Amino acid sequence: GNYLGAIQNYVALQKDYGCIYCIVDLHALTTME
């Protein structure tokens, strides 16, 4: 689901755009105990 929904698109966008991809660990803290 991650691959078809997002990662595949991330890879394709690199061809025509300057891309910044972030692993949002601070966001994760909002739901992690």
PDB file of all heavy atoms in Angstrom:
ATOM      1  N   GLY A   1       0.821  -1.204   0.000  1.00  0.00           N
ATOM      2  CA  GLY A   1       0.000   0.000   0.000  1.00  0.00           C
ATOM      3  C   GLY A   1       0.856   1.256   0.000  1.00  0.00           C
ATOM      4  O   GLY A   1       0.569   2.215  -0.719  1.00  0.00           O
ATOM      5  N   ASN A   2       1.921   1.256   0.812  1.00  0.00           N
ATOM      6  CA  ASN A   2       2.847   2.389   0.843  1.00  0.00           C
ATOM      7  C   ASN A   2       3.514   2.590  -0.513  1.00  0.00           C
ATOM      8  O   ASN A   2       3.662   3.709  -0.997  1.00  0.00           O
ATOM      9  CB  ASN A   2       3.935   2.173   1.894  1.00  0.00           C
ATOM     10  CG  ASN A   2       3.421   1.985   3.292  1.00  0.00           C
ATOM     11  OD1 ASN A   2       3.859   1.073   3.997  1.00  0.00           O
ATOM     12  ND2 ASN A   2       2.499   2.810   3.722  1.00  0.00           N
ATOM     13  N   TYR A   3       3.892   1.474  -1.121  1.00  0.00           N
ATOM     14  CA  TYR A   3       4.611   1.542  -2.394  1.00  0.00           C
ATOM     15  C   TYR A   3       3.722   2.084  -3.509  1.00  0.00           C
ATOM     16  O   TYR A   3       4.095   3.026  -4.219  1.00  0.00           O
ATOM     17  CB  TYR A   3       5.132   0.156  -2.772  1.00  0.00           C
ATOM     18  CG  TYR A   3       5.853   0.140  -4.110  1.00  0.00           C
ATOM     19  CD1 TYR A   3       7.086   0.748  -4.255  1.00  0.00           C
ATOM     20  CD2 TYR A   3       5.275  -0.470  -5.214  1.00  0.00           C
ATOM     21  CE1 TYR A   3       7.743   0.750  -5.481  1.00  0.00           C
ATOM     22  CE2 TYR A   3       5.913  -0.473  -6.445  1.00  0.00           C
ATOM     23  CZ  TYR A   3       7.149   0.137  -6.569  1.00  0.00           C
ATOM     24  OH  TYR A   3       7.779   0.144  -7.794  1.00  0.00           O
ATOM     25  N   LEU A   4       2.539   1.508  -3.652  1.00  0.00           N
ATOM     26  CA  LEU A   4       1.643   1.912  -4.740  1.00  0.00           C
ATOM     27  C   LEU A   4       1.042   3.290  -4.486  1.00  0.00           C
ATOM     28  O   LEU A   4       0.764   4.047  -5.429  1.00  0.00           O
ATOM     29  CB  LEU A   4       0.530   0.876  -4.915  1.00  0.00           C
ATOM     30  CG  LEU A   4       0.984  -0.528  -5.336  1.00  0.00           C
ATOM     31  CD1 LEU A   4      -0.201  -1.482  -5.338  1.00  0.00           C
ATOM     32  CD2 LEU A   4       1.643  -0.500  -6.709  1.00  0.00           C
ATOM     33  N   GLY A   5       0.857   3.633  -3.215  1.00  0.00           N
ATOM     34  CA  GLY A   5       0.207   4.890  -2.887  1.00  0.00           C
ATOM     35  C   GLY A   5       1.129   6.088  -2.800  1.00  0.00           C
ATOM     36  O   GLY A   5       0.696   7.214  -2.999  1.00  0.00           O
ATOM     37  N   ALA A   6       2.425   5.865  -2.493  1.00  0.00           N
ATOM     38  CA  ALA A   6       3.311   7.010  -2.279  1.00  0.00           C
ATOM     39  C   ALA A   6       4.704   6.829  -2.881  1.00  0.00           C
ATOM     40  O   ALA A   6       5.159   7.661  -3.665  1.00  0.00           O
ATOM     41  CB  ALA A   6       3.425   7.288  -0.782  1.00  0.00           C
ATOM     42  N   ILE A   7       5.392   5.750  -2.512  1.00  0.00           N
ATOM     43  CA  ILE A   7       6.809   5.620  -2.871  1.00  0.00           C
ATOM     44  C   ILE A   7       7.019   5.639  -4.378  1.00  0.00           C
ATOM     45  O   ILE A   7       7.944   6.289  -4.890  1.00  0.00           O
ATOM     46  CB  ILE A   7       7.407   4.331  -2.255  1.00  0.00           C
ATOM     47  CG1 ILE A   7       7.286   4.365  -0.736  1.00  0.00           C
ATOM     48  CG2 ILE A   7       8.864   4.174  -2.662  1.00  0.00           C
ATOM     49  CD1 ILE A   7       7.690   3.073  -0.048  1.00  0.00           C
ATOM     50  N   GLN A   8       6.169   4.942  -5.105  1.00  0.00           N
ATOM     51  CA  GLN A   8       6.267   4.916  -6.560  1.00  0.00           C
ATOM     52  C   GLN A   8       6.205   6.341  -7.132  1.00  0.00           C
ATOM     53  O   GLN A   8       6.952   6.695  -8.052  1.00  0.00           O
ATOM     54  CB  GLN A   8       5.109   4.078  -7.114  1.00  0.00           C
ATOM     55  CG  GLN A   8       5.421   3.299  -8.362  1.00  0.00           C
ATOM     56  CD  GLN A   8       4.266   2.377  -8.767  1.00  0.00           C
ATOM     57  OE1 GLN A   8       3.097   2.666  -8.535  1.00  0.00           O
ATOM     58  NE2 GLN A   8       4.588   1.268  -9.388  1.00  0.00           N
ATOM     59  N   ASN A   9       5.327   7.141  -6.567  1.00  0.00           N
ATOM     60  CA  ASN A   9       5.177   8.525  -7.011  1.00  0.00           C
ATOM     61  C   ASN A   9       6.386   9.367  -6.623  1.00  0.00           C
ATOM     62  O   ASN A   9       6.838  10.220  -7.403  1.00  0.00           O
ATOM     63  CB  ASN A   9       3.907   9.123  -6.411  1.00  0.00           C
ATOM     64  CG  ASN A   9       3.538  10.455  -7.017  1.00  0.00           C
ATOM     65  OD1 ASN A   9       3.610  10.638  -8.235  1.00  0.00           O
ATOM     66  ND2 ASN A   9       3.165  11.405  -6.188  1.00  0.00           N
ATOM     67  N   TYR A  10       6.925   9.133  -5.415  1.00  0.00           N
ATOM     68  CA  TYR A  10       8.128   9.845  -4.989  1.00  0.00           C
ATOM     69  C   TYR A  10       9.252   9.667  -6.008  1.00  0.00           C
ATOM     70  O   TYR A  10       9.943  10.614  -6.378  1.00  0.00           O
ATOM     71  CB  TYR A  10       8.618   9.300  -3.642  1.00  0.00           C
ATOM     72  CG  TYR A  10       7.816   9.700  -2.429  1.00  0.00           C
ATOM     73  CD1 TYR A  10       8.163   9.220  -1.163  1.00  0.00           C
ATOM     74  CD2 TYR A  10       6.727  10.560  -2.513  1.00  0.00           C
ATOM     75  CE1 TYR A  10       7.460   9.581  -0.041  1.00  0.00           C
ATOM     76  CE2 TYR A  10       6.003  10.916  -1.379  1.00  0.00           C
ATOM     77  CZ  TYR A  10       6.382  10.423  -0.144  1.00  0.00           C
ATOM     78  OH  TYR A  10       5.682  10.777   0.977  1.00  0.00           O
ATOM     79  N   VAL A  11       9.438   8.431  -6.423  1.00  0.00           N
ATOM     80  CA  VAL A  11      10.510   8.115  -7.369  1.00  0.00           C
ATOM     81  C   VAL A  11      10.279   8.817  -8.702  1.00  0.00           C
ATOM     82  O   VAL A  11      11.194   9.421  -9.272  1.00  0.00           O
ATOM     83  CB  VAL A  11      10.620   6.587  -7.569  1.00  0.00           C
ATOM     84  CG1 VAL A  11      11.653   6.256  -8.647  1.00  0.00           C
ATOM     85  CG2 VAL A  11      11.002   5.900  -6.252  1.00  0.00           C
ATOM     86  N   ALA A  12       9.061   8.773  -9.202  1.00  0.00           N
ATOM     87  CA  ALA A  12       8.745   9.366 -10.502  1.00  0.00           C
ATOM     88  C   ALA A  12       8.925  10.880 -10.499  1.00  0.00           C
ATOM     89  O   ALA A  12       9.385  11.459 -11.494  1.00  0.00           O
ATOM     90  CB  ALA A  12       7.317   9.003 -10.903  1.00  0.00           C
ATOM     91  N   LEU A  13       8.598  11.543  -9.398  1.00  0.00           N
ATOM     92  CA  LEU A  13       8.675  13.001  -9.327  1.00  0.00           C
ATOM     93  C   LEU A  13      10.106  13.518  -9.439  1.00  0.00           C
ATOM     94  O   LEU A  13      10.322  14.666  -9.838  1.00  0.00           O
ATOM     95  CB  LEU A  13       8.049  13.496  -8.025  1.00  0.00           C
ATOM     96  CG  LEU A  13       6.523  13.440  -7.941  1.00  0.00           C
ATOM     97  CD1 LEU A  13       6.054  13.707  -6.515  1.00  0.00           C
ATOM     98  CD2 LEU A  13       5.891  14.447  -8.897  1.00  0.00           C
ATOM     99  N   GLN A  14      11.077  12.680  -9.086  1.00  0.00           N
ATOM    100  CA  GLN A  14      12.476  13.108  -9.115  1.00  0.00           C
ATOM    101  C   GLN A  14      12.945  13.540 -10.505  1.00  0.00           C
ATOM    102  O   GLN A  14      13.875  14.328 -10.633  1.00  0.00           O
ATOM    103  CB  GLN A  14      13.384  11.971  -8.628  1.00  0.00           C
ATOM    104  CG  GLN A  14      13.208  11.596  -7.188  1.00  0.00           C
ATOM    105  CD  GLN A  14      14.105  10.438  -6.788  1.00  0.00           C
ATOM    106  OE1 GLN A  14      14.922  10.547  -5.897  1.00  0.00           O
ATOM    107  NE2 GLN A  14      13.956   9.314  -7.459  1.00  0.00           N
ATOM    108  N   LYS A  15      12.283  13.020 -11.522  1.00  0.00           N
ATOM    109  CA  LYS A  15      12.699  13.297 -12.894  1.00  0.00           C
ATOM    110  C   LYS A  15      12.528  14.770 -13.261  1.00  0.00           C
ATOM    111  O   LYS A  15      13.370  15.350 -13.959  1.00  0.00           O
ATOM    112  CB  LYS A  15      11.897  12.424 -13.862  1.00  0.00           C
ATOM    113  CG  LYS A  15      12.277  12.613 -15.324  1.00  0.00           C
ATOM    114  CD  LYS A  15      11.435  11.712 -16.229  1.00  0.00           C
ATOM    115  CE  LYS A  15      11.776  11.941 -17.696  1.00  0.00           C
ATOM    116  NZ  LYS A  15      10.928  11.120 -18.594  1.00  0.00           N
ATOM    117  N   ASP A  16      11.454  15.377 -12.781  1.00  0.00           N
ATOM    118  CA  ASP A  16      11.113  16.731 -13.220  1.00  0.00           C
ATOM    119  C   ASP A  16      11.130  17.787 -12.117  1.00  0.00           C
ATOM    120  O   ASP A  16      10.997  18.974 -12.411  1.00  0.00           O
ATOM    121  CB  ASP A  16       9.724  16.731 -13.864  1.00  0.00           C
ATOM    122  CG  ASP A  16       9.661  15.860 -15.109  1.00  0.00           C
ATOM    123  OD1 ASP A  16      10.571  15.953 -15.940  1.00  0.00           O
ATOM    124  OD2 ASP A  16       8.709  15.064 -15.230  1.00  0.00           O
ATOM    125  N   TYR A  17      11.287  17.366 -10.860  1.00  0.00           N
ATOM    126  CA  TYR A  17      11.195  18.319  -9.752  1.00  0.00           C
ATOM    127  C   TYR A  17      12.387  18.187  -8.809  1.00  0.00           C
ATOM    128  O   TYR A  17      13.029  17.139  -8.733  1.00  0.00           O
ATOM    129  CB  TYR A  17       9.909  18.094  -8.953  1.00  0.00           C
ATOM    130  CG  TYR A  17       8.646  18.309  -9.755  1.00  0.00           C
ATOM    131  CD1 TYR A  17       8.056  17.258 -10.458  1.00  0.00           C
ATOM    132  CD2 TYR A  17       8.036  19.552  -9.810  1.00  0.00           C
ATOM    133  CE1 TYR A  17       6.898  17.443 -11.201  1.00  0.00           C
ATOM    134  CE2 TYR A  17       6.873  19.752 -10.544  1.00  0.00           C
ATOM    135  CZ  TYR A  17       6.312  18.697 -11.241  1.00  0.00           C
ATOM    136  OH  TYR A  17       5.169  18.886 -11.976  1.00  0.00           O
ATOM    137  N   GLY A  18      12.635  19.258  -8.082  1.00  0.00           N
ATOM    138  CA  GLY A  18      13.563  19.187  -6.963  1.00  0.00           C
ATOM    139  C   GLY A  18      12.790  18.673  -5.770  1.00  0.00           C
ATOM    140  O   GLY A  18      11.871  19.344  -5.290  1.00  0.00           O
ATOM    141  N   CYS A  19      13.113  17.487  -5.294  1.00  0.00           N
ATOM    142  CA  CYS A  19      12.286  16.819  -4.282  1.00  0.00           C
ATOM    143  C   CYS A  19      12.950  16.799  -2.914  1.00  0.00           C
ATOM    144  O   CYS A  19      14.158  16.572  -2.798  1.00  0.00           O
ATOM    145  CB  CYS A  19      11.982  15.387  -4.720  1.00  0.00           C
ATOM    146  SG  CYS A  19      11.026  15.286  -6.252  1.00  0.00           S
ATOM    147  N   ILE A  20      12.146  17.019  -1.901  1.00  0.00           N
ATOM    148  CA  ILE A  20      12.577  16.917  -0.510  1.00  0.00           C
ATOM    149  C   ILE A  20      11.660  15.917   0.171  1.00  0.00           C
ATOM    150  O   ILE A  20      10.446  16.143   0.272  1.00  0.00           O
ATOM    151  CB  ILE A  20      12.516  18.279   0.202  1.00  0.00           C
ATOM    152  CG1 ILE A  20      13.426  19.293  -0.514  1.00  0.00           C
ATOM    153  CG2 ILE A  20      12.914  18.140   1.661  1.00  0.00           C
ATOM    154  CD1 ILE A  20      13.405  20.682   0.101  1.00  0.00           C
ATOM    155  N   TYR A  21      12.246  14.807   0.611  1.00  0.00           N
ATOM    156  CA  TYR A  21      11.460  13.753   1.243  1.00  0.00           C
ATOM    157  C   TYR A  21      11.920  13.579   2.695  1.00  0.00           C
ATOM    158  O   TYR A  21      13.112  13.388   2.962  1.00  0.00           O
ATOM    159  CB  TYR A  21      11.608  12.442   0.478  1.00  0.00           C
ATOM    160  CG  TYR A  21      11.055  12.531  -0.934  1.00  0.00           C
ATOM    161  CD1 TYR A  21      11.797  12.089  -2.028  1.00  0.00           C
ATOM    162  CD2 TYR A  21       9.788  13.053  -1.173  1.00  0.00           C
ATOM    163  CE1 TYR A  21      11.285  12.166  -3.322  1.00  0.00           C
ATOM    164  CE2 TYR A  21       9.272  13.140  -2.455  1.00  0.00           C
ATOM    165  CZ  TYR A  21      10.031  12.693  -3.522  1.00  0.00           C
ATOM    166  OH  TYR A  21       9.518  12.784  -4.798  1.00  0.00           O
ATOM    167  N   CYS A  22      10.969  13.615   3.589  1.00  0.00           N
ATOM    168  CA  CYS A  22      11.276  13.688   5.014  1.00  0.00           C
ATOM    169  C   CYS A  22      10.629  12.547   5.791  1.00  0.00           C
ATOM    170  O   CYS A  22       9.445  12.247   5.602  1.00  0.00           O
ATOM    171  CB  CYS A  22      10.773  15.037   5.534  1.00  0.00           C
ATOM    172  SG  CYS A  22      11.071  15.340   7.270  1.00  0.00           S
ATOM    173  N   ILE A  23      11.408  11.930   6.669  1.00  0.00           N
ATOM    174  CA  ILE A  23      10.877  10.938   7.603  1.00  0.00           C
ATOM    175  C   ILE A  23      10.467  11.714   8.845  1.00  0.00           C
ATOM    176  O   ILE A  23      11.310  12.217   9.591  1.00  0.00           O
ATOM    177  CB  ILE A  23      11.919   9.857   7.927  1.00  0.00           C
ATOM    178  CG1 ILE A  23      12.296   9.088   6.654  1.00  0.00           C
ATOM    179  CG2 ILE A  23      11.393   8.899   8.996  1.00  0.00           C
ATOM    180  CD1 ILE A  23      13.390   8.059   6.844  1.00  0.00           C
ATOM    181  N   VAL A  24       9.158  11.848   9.056  1.00  0.00           N
ATOM    182  CA  VAL A  24       8.652  12.791  10.057  1.00  0.00           C
ATOM    183  C   VAL A  24       8.526  12.128  11.435  1.00  0.00           C
ATOM    184  O   VAL A  24       7.436  11.769  11.884  1.00  0.00           O
ATOM    185  CB  VAL A  24       7.317  13.424   9.587  1.00  0.00           C
ATOM    186  CG1 VAL A  24       7.559  14.356   8.406  1.00  0.00           C
ATOM    187  CG2 VAL A  24       6.284  12.375   9.185  1.00  0.00           C
ATOM    188  N   ASP A  25       9.656  12.047  12.124  1.00  0.00           N
ATOM    189  CA  ASP A  25       9.679  11.389  13.430  1.00  0.00           C
ATOM    190  C   ASP A  25       8.977  12.205  14.511  1.00  0.00           C
ATOM    191  O   ASP A  25       8.398  11.642  15.438  1.00  0.00           O
ATOM    192  CB  ASP A  25      11.115  11.048  13.841  1.00  0.00           C
ATOM    193  CG  ASP A  25      12.054  12.250  13.814  1.00  0.00           C
ATOM    194  OD1 ASP A  25      11.724  13.269  13.169  1.00  0.00           O
ATOM    195  OD2 ASP A  25      13.141  12.163  14.424  1.00  0.00           O
ATOM    196  N   LEU A  26       8.997  13.545  14.401  1.00  0.00           N
ATOM    197  CA  LEU A  26       8.295  14.358  15.395  1.00  0.00           C
ATOM    198  C   LEU A  26       6.782  14.162  15.280  1.00  0.00           C
ATOM    199  O   LEU A  26       6.076  14.088  16.292  1.00  0.00           O
ATOM    200  CB  LEU A  26       8.644  15.841  15.220  1.00  0.00           C
ATOM    201  CG  LEU A  26      10.098  16.213  15.524  1.00  0.00           C
ATOM    202  CD1 LEU A  26      10.337  17.690  15.220  1.00  0.00           C
ATOM    203  CD2 LEU A  26      10.444  15.912  16.979  1.00  0.00           C
ATOM    204  N   HIS A  27       6.291  14.079  14.063  1.00  0.00           N
ATOM    205  CA  HIS A  27       4.868  13.793  13.870  1.00  0.00           C
ATOM    206  C   HIS A  27       4.496  12.462  14.514  1.00  0.00           C
ATOM    207  O   HIS A  27       3.408  12.314  15.083  1.00  0.00           O
ATOM    208  CB  HIS A  27       4.539  13.723  12.377  1.00  0.00           C
ATOM    209  CG  HIS A  27       4.334  15.055  11.733  1.00  0.00           C
ATOM    210  ND1 HIS A  27       3.363  15.942  12.134  1.00  0.00           N
ATOM    211  CD2 HIS A  27       4.964  15.654  10.701  1.00  0.00           C
ATOM    212  CE1 HIS A  27       3.404  17.027  11.382  1.00  0.00           C
ATOM    213  NE2 HIS A  27       4.376  16.876  10.505  1.00  0.00           N
ATOM    214  N   ALA A  28       5.391  11.501  14.412  1.00  0.00           N
ATOM    215  CA  ALA A  28       5.106  10.166  14.951  1.00  0.00           C
ATOM    216  C   ALA A  28       4.891  10.200  16.459  1.00  0.00           C
ATOM    217  O   ALA A  28       4.129   9.395  17.003  1.00  0.00           O
ATOM    218  CB  ALA A  28       6.244   9.212  14.602  1.00  0.00           C
ATOM    219  N   LEU A  29       5.540  11.144  17.143  1.00  0.00           N
ATOM    220  CA  LEU A  29       5.438  11.214  18.597  1.00  0.00           C
ATOM    221  C   LEU A  29       4.028  11.528  19.073  1.00  0.00           C
ATOM    222  O   LEU A  29       3.681  11.248  20.216  1.00  0.00           O
ATOM    223  CB  LEU A  29       6.409  12.265  19.146  1.00  0.00           C
ATOM    224  CG  LEU A  29       7.903  12.022  18.906  1.00  0.00           C
ATOM    225  CD1 LEU A  29       8.721  13.150  19.525  1.00  0.00           C
ATOM    226  CD2 LEU A  29       8.346  10.682  19.476  1.00  0.00           C
ATOM    227  N   THR A  30       3.199  12.092  18.203  1.00  0.00           N
ATOM    228  CA  THR A  30       1.837  12.463  18.618  1.00  0.00           C
ATOM    229  C   THR A  30       0.969  11.246  18.902  1.00  0.00           C
ATOM    230  O   THR A  30      -0.037  11.348  19.608  1.00  0.00           O
ATOM    231  CB  THR A  30       1.145  13.329  17.543  1.00  0.00           C
ATOM    232  OG1 THR A  30       1.034  12.583  16.328  1.00  0.00           O
ATOM    233  CG2 THR A  30       1.927  14.602  17.285  1.00  0.00           C
ATOM    234  N   THR A  31       1.351  10.100  18.357  1.00  0.00           N
ATOM    235  CA  THR A  31       0.544   8.893  18.578  1.00  0.00           C
ATOM    236  C   THR A  31       1.331   7.766  19.251  1.00  0.00           C
ATOM    237  O   THR A  31       0.758   6.740  19.585  1.00  0.00           O
ATOM    238  CB  THR A  31      -0.011   8.365  17.234  1.00  0.00           C
ATOM    239  OG1 THR A  31       1.077   8.141  16.334  1.00  0.00           O
ATOM    240  CG2 THR A  31      -0.970   9.369  16.612  1.00  0.00           C
ATOM    241  N   MET A  32       2.627   7.979  19.456  1.00  0.00           N
ATOM    242  CA  MET A  32       3.455   6.919  20.051  1.00  0.00           C
ATOM    243  C   MET A  32       3.594   7.120  21.554  1.00  0.00           C
ATOM    244  O   MET A  32       3.866   8.224  22.017  1.00  0.00           O
ATOM    245  CB  MET A  32       4.862   6.913  19.421  1.00  0.00           C
ATOM    246  CG  MET A  32       4.898   6.548  17.951  1.00  0.00           C
ATOM    247  SD  MET A  32       6.570   6.694  17.250  1.00  0.00           S
ATOM    248  CE  MET A  32       7.412   5.373  18.117  1.00  0.00           C
ATOM    249  N   GLU A  33       3.418   6.054  22.312  1.00  0.00           N
ATOM    250  CA  GLU A  33       3.619   6.119  23.754  1.00  0.00           C
ATOM    251  C   GLU A  33       4.977   5.558  24.147  1.00  0.00           C
ATOM    252  O   GLU A  33       5.428   5.738  25.267  1.00  0.00           O
ATOM    253  CB  GLU A  33       2.492   5.387  24.470  1.00  0.00           C
ATOM    254  CG  GLU A  33       1.130   6.044  24.247  1.00  0.00           C
ATOM    255  CD  GLU A  33       0.022   5.413  25.056  1.00  0.00           C
ATOM    256  OE1 GLU A  33       0.324   4.533  25.883  1.00  0.00           O
ATOM    257  OE2 GLU A  33      -1.140   5.796  24.864  1.00  0.00           O
TER     258      GLU A  33
END
